Amino acid sequence: MEKEYTPAWKRLEKVIKASGMSTNAFALHIGLKRSENLYQIKKGNHAISKSLATIINNYYPQYSLGWLLSGEGECGEPADPEEIKLKNETIRSLYVYDSVFSVRDESPPDSSVKKLYLPDIIVRNSEFAIINFDEAMNPKIPIGSYVLVRKHTGPVVYGNVYVIVTAHFSLMRIVRMGNYEGQLKLTPSHPQSYDDIIIDVNEIRKIYSVDFILAEIN
């Protein structure tokens, strides 16, 4: 007689099947060191923990924490009909903002935000994407290109491109040493038409590293 698996496993199995991956591949995809935790849920030895549910929800936000933990709440059918299915490739979704001037930590469900589905080999550690409409960075970062970014930690590397967020602007620029200690020079890729901006490091609220530049998708 076929074993009757627990409701927790049935929910987890639904997510795994929708991902198109095996249980082992799914475990690696969401960052688990081994898949044994998932098989213990399948055997009925464990329930889905809050930490596991949170990890799954981060990768697949259409599955709510409530549904993953208890079966109540939103059950994750793919919410975005424009999702690109790349056969045999692990896919992760990034939020895409309408311009470089729309950098925010949250991802509000409004018309300025959509999802971009890319293989993990491209996404790596990126947190979200920006469509570059800033001519000052052309041609290094072409107009209309997708720029994948993540929160920067550690010291700034002079000559690298960052998204700098202050109380007054969010700009993508090449960061160089300022004229005085405690200053930074934000340099455009097209200096013939745009000036450098000098700011005090204390003005910076957030800074994002540029991970990858993807040509415009028509």
Protein backbone atom coordinates (compact mmCIF):
# COMPACT_ATOMS: atom_id res chain seq x y z
CA MET A 1 0.00 0.00 0.00
CA GLU A 2 1.32 3.43 -0.91
CA LYS A 3 2.39 5.39 2.13
CA GLU A 4 0.14 8.32 3.08
CA TYR A 5 2.48 11.25 3.50
CA THR A 6 1.89 14.08 5.99
CA PRO A 7 0.20 17.34 4.95
CA ALA A 8 3.52 19.14 5.60
CA TRP A 9 5.27 16.99 3.00
CA LYS A 10 2.41 17.37 0.54
CA ARG A 11 2.80 21.15 0.73
CA LEU A 12 6.55 20.91 0.38
CA GLU A 13 6.22 18.44 -2.49
CA LYS A 14 3.92 20.89 -4.27
CA VAL A 15 6.61 23.57 -4.12
CA ILE A 16 9.36 21.20 -5.26
CA LYS A 17 7.31 19.91 -8.21
CA ALA A 18 6.44 23.47 -9.28
CA SER A 19 10.15 24.36 -9.26
CA GLY A 20 10.85 21.62 -11.79
CA MET A 21 13.71 20.27 -9.68
CA SER A 22 14.43 17.07 -7.82
CA THR A 23 14.34 17.15 -4.03
CA ASN A 24 18.14 17.17 -3.86
CA ALA A 25 18.46 19.96 -6.44
CA PHE A 26 15.77 21.98 -4.69
CA ALA A 27 17.60 21.71 -1.37
CA LEU A 28 20.82 22.97 -2.93
CA HIS A 29 18.94 25.73 -4.76
CA ILE A 30 17.52 27.22 -1.56
CA GLY A 31 20.88 27.01 0.21
CA LEU A 32 20.53 23.87 2.35
CA LYS A 33 23.80 22.02 2.89
CA ARG A 34 22.03 18.71 2.42
CA SER A 35 18.60 17.45 1.52
CA GLU A 36 18.20 15.18 4.56
CA ASN A 37 16.04 17.81 6.30
CA LEU A 38 13.52 17.60 3.48
CA TYR A 39 13.49 13.80 3.53
CA GLN A 40 12.85 13.84 7.28
CA ILE A 41 9.74 15.91 6.57
CA LYS A 42 8.76 13.38 3.92
CA LYS A 43 9.13 10.56 6.46
CA GLY A 44 6.93 12.43 8.92
CA ASN A 45 9.71 12.93 11.46
CA HIS A 46 9.64 16.72 11.25
CA ALA A 47 7.25 19.50 10.35
CA ILE A 48 8.21 22.45 8.17
CA SER A 49 10.09 24.79 10.50
CA LYS A 50 9.64 28.54 10.47
CA SER A 51 13.23 28.99 9.30
CA LEU A 52 12.72 26.60 6.36
CA ALA A 53 9.41 28.23 5.48
CA THR A 54 11.10 31.65 5.50
CA ILE A 55 13.86 30.42 3.18
CA ILE A 56 11.33 28.95 0.74
CA ASN A 57 9.20 32.11 0.88
CA ASN A 58 12.26 34.23 0.05
CA TYR A 59 12.82 32.24 -3.13
CA TYR A 60 9.16 31.63 -3.95
CA PRO A 61 7.12 34.50 -2.47
CA GLN A 62 3.90 33.19 -4.02
CA TYR A 63 3.90 30.57 -1.23
CA SER A 64 2.96 32.42 1.95
CA LEU A 65 4.52 31.59 5.32
CA GLY A 66 1.08 30.76 6.69
CA TRP A 67 0.41 28.23 3.95
CA LEU A 68 3.85 26.63 4.22
CA LEU A 69 3.56 26.25 8.00
CA SER A 70 -0.09 25.31 8.40
CA GLY A 71 -1.78 24.97 5.03
CA GLU A 72 -3.75 28.16 5.62
CA GLY A 73 -3.39 31.34 3.61
CA GLU A 74 -2.21 31.81 0.04
CA CYS A 75 -1.22 28.64 -1.79
CA GLY A 76 1.35 29.25 -4.41
CA GLU A 77 0.21 28.97 -7.90
CA PRO A 78 2.59 31.08 -10.06
CA ALA A 79 1.25 34.61 -9.78
CA ASP A 80 3.10 36.12 -12.70
CA PRO A 81 1.95 34.87 -16.12
CA GLU A 82 5.03 36.43 -17.74
CA GLU A 83 7.42 34.17 -15.86
CA ILE A 84 10.11 32.90 -18.23
CA LYS A 85 10.66 29.18 -17.90
CA LEU A 86 14.25 28.29 -18.74
CA LYS A 87 14.40 24.54 -19.20
CA ASN A 88 16.85 22.69 -16.94
CA GLU A 89 18.09 25.91 -15.35
CA THR A 90 17.58 27.12 -11.80
CA ILE A 91 15.59 30.34 -11.93
CA ARG A 92 15.24 33.10 -9.37
CA SER A 93 13.10 36.20 -9.54
CA LEU A 94 14.37 39.72 -8.98
CA TYR A 95 12.36 42.85 -8.59
CA VAL A 96 12.94 45.34 -11.41
CA TYR A 97 12.49 49.02 -10.71
CA ASP A 98 11.49 51.53 -13.35
CA SER A 99 14.61 53.69 -13.03
CA VAL A 100 17.80 54.26 -11.13
CA PHE A 101 15.96 56.89 -9.11
CA SER A 102 13.58 54.32 -7.60
CA VAL A 103 15.92 52.45 -5.30
CA ARG A 104 14.01 51.15 -2.29
CA ASP A 105 14.49 48.34 0.20
CA GLU A 106 10.95 47.07 -0.11
CA SER A 107 9.21 45.86 -3.22
CA PRO A 108 5.81 47.57 -3.31
CA PRO A 109 3.14 45.98 -5.51
CA ASP A 110 2.67 48.92 -7.84
CA SER A 111 3.10 49.54 -11.54
CA SER A 112 6.71 50.69 -11.18
CA VAL A 113 7.84 47.20 -10.18
CA LYS A 114 7.85 43.95 -12.11
CA LYS A 115 9.68 40.66 -11.82
CA LEU A 116 12.65 39.53 -13.86
CA TYR A 117 13.38 35.80 -13.97
CA LEU A 118 17.02 34.86 -14.53
CA PRO A 119 19.26 31.81 -14.02
CA ASP A 120 21.09 31.70 -10.70
CA ILE A 121 24.41 31.73 -12.55
CA ILE A 122 23.60 35.33 -13.53
CA VAL A 123 21.76 36.41 -10.41
CA ARG A 124 24.33 35.12 -7.89
CA ASN A 125 23.92 37.30 -4.78
CA SER A 126 22.01 40.16 -6.41
CA GLU A 127 18.98 41.49 -4.52
CA PHE A 128 17.12 43.45 -7.18
CA ALA A 129 17.52 45.01 -10.60
CA ILE A 130 17.30 48.55 -11.95
CA ILE A 131 16.61 49.66 -15.49
CA ASN A 132 19.20 52.30 -16.28
CA PHE A 133 17.76 55.50 -17.71
CA ASP A 134 20.75 57.62 -16.66
CA GLU A 135 22.56 58.90 -19.75
CA ALA A 136 25.53 59.92 -17.62
CA MET A 137 26.58 56.25 -17.38
CA ASN A 138 26.25 55.57 -21.11
CA PRO A 139 28.03 53.78 -22.82
CA LYS A 140 29.56 51.89 -19.87
CA ILE A 141 26.04 51.05 -18.73
CA PRO A 142 23.78 51.40 -21.80
CA ILE A 143 20.40 53.09 -21.61
CA GLY A 144 17.69 50.49 -21.04
CA SER A 145 20.04 47.85 -19.64
CA TYR A 146 19.17 45.87 -16.51
CA VAL A 147 21.63 46.46 -13.68
CA LEU A 148 21.68 43.80 -10.94
CA VAL A 149 22.68 45.19 -7.55
CA ARG A 150 23.06 44.20 -3.90
CA LYS A 151 23.69 46.04 -0.67
CA HIS A 152 27.37 46.82 -0.34
CA THR A 153 29.30 45.86 2.76
CA GLY A 154 32.91 46.63 3.50
CA PRO A 155 35.12 49.40 2.14
CA VAL A 156 34.42 51.08 -1.19
CA VAL A 157 36.75 50.08 -4.02
CA TYR A 158 37.67 53.20 -5.95
CA GLY A 159 36.93 52.91 -9.65
CA ASN A 160 34.00 50.53 -9.19
CA VAL A 161 30.40 51.39 -10.03
CA TYR A 162 27.92 51.76 -7.18
CA VAL A 163 24.40 53.02 -6.64
CA ILE A 164 24.66 55.78 -4.04
CA VAL A 165 21.55 56.74 -2.09
CA THR A 166 21.38 60.01 -0.14
CA ALA A 167 18.48 62.05 1.19
CA HIS A 168 18.43 63.97 -2.08
CA PHE A 169 19.21 61.50 -4.87
CA SER A 170 19.91 57.93 -5.95
CA LEU A 171 22.62 57.79 -8.59
CA MET A 172 24.66 55.14 -10.31
CA ARG A 173 28.22 56.40 -10.63
CA ILE A 174 31.86 55.41 -10.64
CA VAL A 175 33.13 56.12 -7.13
CA ARG A 176 36.55 57.75 -6.71
CA MET A 177 38.49 59.39 -3.89
CA GLY A 178 37.32 62.90 -3.05
CA ASN A 179 39.45 66.02 -2.72
CA TYR A 180 39.54 65.79 1.08
CA GLU A 181 39.34 63.07 3.69
CA GLY A 182 35.78 61.93 4.23
CA GLN A 183 34.68 62.86 0.71
CA LEU A 184 33.82 60.78 -2.33
CA LYS A 185 33.76 61.81 -5.97
CA LEU A 186 30.91 60.38 -8.05
CA THR A 187 32.08 60.29 -11.63
CA PRO A 188 29.92 59.70 -14.73
CA SER A 189 30.96 57.41 -17.54
CA HIS A 190 30.45 60.34 -19.92
CA PRO A 191 32.47 63.18 -18.29
CA GLN A 192 32.32 65.40 -21.39
CA SER A 193 28.62 66.04 -20.78
CA TYR A 194 28.19 65.50 -17.03
CA ASP A 195 30.03 66.86 -14.01
CA ASP A 196 31.49 65.01 -11.07
CA ILE A 197 29.53 65.14 -7.81
CA ILE A 198 31.42 65.57 -4.54
CA ILE A 199 29.66 64.26 -1.43
CA ASP A 200 30.55 63.73 2.19
CA VAL A 201 30.53 60.05 3.18
CA ASN A 202 28.16 60.92 6.03
CA GLU A 203 25.52 61.87 3.44
CA ILE A 204 25.28 58.28 2.18
CA ARG A 205 22.23 56.43 3.47
CA LYS A 206 22.69 53.28 1.41
CA ILE A 207 25.17 52.00 -1.11
CA TYR A 208 24.69 49.13 -3.57
CA SER A 209 27.30 47.20 -5.54
CA VAL A 210 26.72 46.54 -9.22
CA ASP A 211 26.92 42.79 -9.84
CA PHE A 212 25.90 42.37 -13.46
CA ILE A 213 24.77 44.41 -16.46
CA LEU A 214 22.27 42.78 -18.78
CA ALA A 215 21.54 44.27 -22.18
CA GLU A 216 18.03 45.59 -22.77
CA ILE A 217 15.44 42.85 -23.26
CA ASN A 218 12.96 43.66 -26.02
